[in-house]
Structures are given as structure tokens and as C-alpha cells.
C-alpha atoms as a PDB file:
ATOM      1  CA  MET A   1      -6.714 -10.246   7.613  1.00  0.00           C
ATOM      2  CA  ASN A   2      -3.804  -7.957   7.148  1.00  0.00           C
ATOM      3  CA  LYS A   3      -0.094  -9.628   5.831  1.00  0.00           C
ATOM      4  CA  GLU A   4       1.596  -7.200   8.201  1.00  0.00           C
ATOM      5  CA  TYR A   5      -0.502  -8.484  11.457  1.00  0.00           C
ATOM      6  CA  SER A   6      -0.243 -11.694  10.268  1.00  0.00           C
ATOM      7  CA  ARG A   7       3.744 -11.835  10.548  1.00  0.00           C
ATOM      8  CA  LYS A   8       3.935 -10.084  13.853  1.00  0.00           C
ATOM      9  CA  ALA A   9       1.293 -12.506  15.290  1.00  0.00           C
ATOM     10  CA  VAL A  10       3.870 -15.690  13.579  1.00  0.00           C
ATOM     11  CA  THR A  11       6.858 -14.023  15.045  1.00  0.00           C
ATOM     12  CA  THR A  12       5.603 -12.992  18.529  1.00  0.00           C
ATOM     13  CA  GLY A  13       4.395 -16.411  19.022  1.00  0.00           C
ATOM     14  CA  VAL A  14       7.688 -18.080  17.838  1.00  0.00           C
ATOM     15  CA  SER A  15       9.600 -15.839  20.719  1.00  0.00           C
ATOM     16  CA  PHE A  16       7.005 -16.691  23.505  1.00  0.00           C
ATOM     17  CA  GLY A  17       7.180 -20.405  22.685  1.00  0.00           C
ATOM     18  CA  SER A  18      10.954 -20.452  22.687  1.00  0.00           C
ATOM     19  CA  ALA A  19      10.983 -18.542  25.788  1.00  0.00           C
ATOM     20  CA  LEU A  20       8.406 -20.759  27.595  1.00  0.00           C
ATOM     21  CA  ALA A  21      10.258 -23.763  26.265  1.00  0.00           C
ATOM     22  CA  MET A  22      13.674 -22.851  27.732  1.00  0.00           C
ATOM     23  CA  VAL A  23      12.177 -21.407  31.197  1.00  0.00           C
ATOM     24  CA  ILE A  24      10.338 -25.302  31.470  1.00  0.00           C
ATOM     25  CA  SER A  25      13.579 -26.555  30.441  1.00  0.00           C
ATOM     26  CA  TYR A  26      15.658 -24.817  32.596  1.00  0.00           C
ATOM     27  CA  THR A  27      13.273 -25.451  35.780  1.00  0.00           C
ATOM     28  CA  ALA A  28      13.224 -29.061  35.021  1.00  0.00           C
ATOM     29  CA  TRP A  29      16.924 -29.864  34.282  1.00  0.00           C
ATOM     30  CA  HIS A  30      18.818 -26.826  35.414  1.00  0.00           C
ATOM     31  CA  SER A  31      20.842 -26.670  32.613  1.00  0.00           C
ATOM     32  CA  ILE A  32      21.797 -23.847  30.033  1.00  0.00           C
ATOM     33  CA  PRO A  33      22.399 -25.902  27.306  1.00  0.00           C
ATOM     34  CA  TRP A  34      19.278 -28.111  27.181  1.00  0.00           C
ATOM     35  CA  ALA A  35      17.500 -24.953  27.645  1.00  0.00           C
ATOM     36  CA  ILE A  36      18.917 -23.474  24.578  1.00  0.00           C
ATOM     37  CA  PHE A  37      18.298 -26.586  22.654  1.00  0.00           C
ATOM     38  CA  HIS A  38      14.635 -26.594  23.665  1.00  0.00           C
ATOM     39  CA  GLY A  39      14.442 -23.258  23.083  1.00  0.00           C
ATOM     40  CA  ILE A  40      15.192 -24.040  19.434  1.00  0.00           C
ATOM     41  CA  LEU A  41      12.504 -26.711  19.337  1.00  0.00           C
ATOM     42  CA  SER A  42      10.155 -24.200  20.783  1.00  0.00           C
ATOM     43  CA  TRP A  43       6.480 -25.082  20.940  1.00  0.00           C
ATOM     44  CA  VAL A  44       7.491 -28.939  20.011  1.00  0.00           C
ATOM     45  CA  TYR A  45       9.310 -29.049  23.675  1.00  0.00           C
ATOM     46  CA  VAL A  46       6.359 -27.343  25.218  1.00  0.00           C
ATOM     47  CA  LEU A  47       3.815 -29.658  23.667  1.00  0.00           C
ATOM     48  CA  TYR A  48       5.803 -32.583  24.719  1.00  0.00           C
ATOM     49  CA  TYR A  49       6.327 -31.469  28.467  1.00  0.00           C
ATOM     50  CA  ALA A  50       2.553 -30.978  28.604  1.00  0.00           C
ATOM     51  CA  ILE A  51       1.746 -34.371  27.466  1.00  0.00           C
ATOM     52  CA  SER A  52       4.397 -35.988  29.391  1.00  0.00           C
ATOM     53  CA  TYR A  53       3.818 -34.099  32.448  1.00  0.00           C
END
């Protein structure tokens, strides 16, 4: 596997995870500060939300 391809996939995954976490957070809590915080947590919050709800 090419290193550049791997790096691009990781960057895209992190960006998508952050965006997804922020959308889920804003939809659930209607708070921009919480959405930013959950965006920083990224996939951790997405997995938490999927397991909890």
C-alpha cells in the first residue's frame, strides 16, 4: 500500500469523523460549543452515540 494513499485515507477519515460527530452533537444538543467539543473527540463521540442510542 502506498504511504501517500494511506495518509490521505487517514486524513479523510478524521475529517469525516469530526464532521459527523459535530452534526450528531448539534442535532442532539442544539449547542455549538458542544458540537465543537464533540468534533474534537471525533470518532469517539460517534461510537458513544451509536452504542448509547
